[in-house]
Amino acid sequence: MTVNHPRSGAPCKISPRGASMIMRKVRDQPRTTRQDLVNDLKDLEKGPISTNVPSASAVVDSPLFQE
């Protein structure tokens, strides 16, 4: 009797957001390459880079921080 063993390593998982991004990209650009999709998924996992982070002094000086 043959027993099916699971594959080694963690299973590949794509978030629902990533799957919809892939579908949208392929629908809009049918000739996109697999490498483009992989790079877009990596960028999606990193998330947006926030440049509007207040400095510590601005937070401390704000009226909401005062006691």
Protein backbone atom coordinates (compact mmCIF):
# COMPACT_ATOMS: atom_id res chain seq x y z
CA MET A 1 0.00 0.00 0.00
CA THR A 2 1.37 3.42 -0.98
CA VAL A 3 1.14 6.25 1.51
CA ASN A 4 1.07 9.84 0.30
CA HIS A 5 3.42 11.98 2.34
CA PRO A 6 3.17 15.76 2.49
CA ARG A 7 5.79 17.77 0.66
CA SER A 8 8.61 19.24 2.67
CA GLY A 9 8.61 22.95 3.45
CA ALA A 10 5.89 25.44 4.11
CA PRO A 11 2.99 25.58 1.67
CA CYS A 12 2.86 28.52 -0.72
CA LYS A 13 0.15 30.92 0.29
CA ILE A 14 -1.14 33.93 -1.58
CA SER A 15 -3.37 36.35 0.27
CA PRO A 16 -6.77 37.25 -1.21
CA ARG A 17 -5.38 40.72 -1.87
CA GLY A 18 -2.45 39.20 -3.77
CA ALA A 19 -4.72 36.94 -5.79
CA SER A 20 -6.94 39.85 -6.83
CA MET A 21 -3.83 41.87 -7.72
CA ILE A 22 -2.63 39.05 -9.98
CA MET A 23 -6.05 38.73 -11.66
CA ARG A 24 -6.26 42.49 -12.21
CA LYS A 25 -2.72 42.69 -13.62
CA VAL A 26 -3.26 39.77 -16.02
CA ARG A 27 -6.64 41.14 -17.13
CA ASP A 28 -5.15 44.59 -17.82
CA GLN A 29 -1.86 43.31 -19.29
CA PRO A 30 -2.29 39.79 -20.73
CA ARG A 31 1.35 39.62 -21.86
CA THR A 32 2.80 40.21 -18.40
CA THR A 33 5.55 37.82 -17.37
CA ARG A 34 5.68 35.51 -14.38
CA GLN A 35 8.68 37.42 -13.02
CA ASP A 36 6.67 40.67 -13.12
CA LEU A 37 3.93 39.02 -11.10
CA VAL A 38 6.44 37.65 -8.57
CA ASN A 39 8.01 41.09 -8.15
CA ASP A 40 4.59 42.70 -7.70
CA LEU A 41 3.68 40.13 -5.04
CA LYS A 42 6.93 40.84 -3.19
CA ASP A 43 6.19 44.58 -3.31
CA LEU A 44 2.67 43.91 -2.05
CA GLU A 45 4.01 41.92 0.91
CA LYS A 46 6.33 44.78 1.90
CA GLY A 47 3.39 47.16 2.07
CA PRO A 48 3.36 50.86 1.36
CA ILE A 49 6.24 52.98 2.62
CA SER A 50 4.89 55.66 4.91
CA THR A 51 6.68 59.00 4.64
CA ASN A 52 4.26 60.95 6.84
CA VAL A 53 5.47 59.67 10.20
CA PRO A 54 5.53 62.46 12.79
CA SER A 55 8.72 63.05 14.72
CA ALA A 56 8.85 62.29 18.43
CA SER A 57 9.04 65.98 19.32
CA ALA A 58 5.90 66.72 17.28
CA VAL A 59 4.02 63.99 19.14
CA VAL A 60 5.18 65.18 22.56
CA ASP A 61 4.32 68.81 21.75
CA SER A 62 0.84 67.97 20.51
CA PRO A 63 -2.11 68.98 22.73
CA LEU A 64 -3.36 65.38 22.78
CA PHE A 65 -0.20 64.26 24.55
CA GLN A 66 -0.45 66.84 27.36
CA GLU A 67 -1.76 65.71 30.72
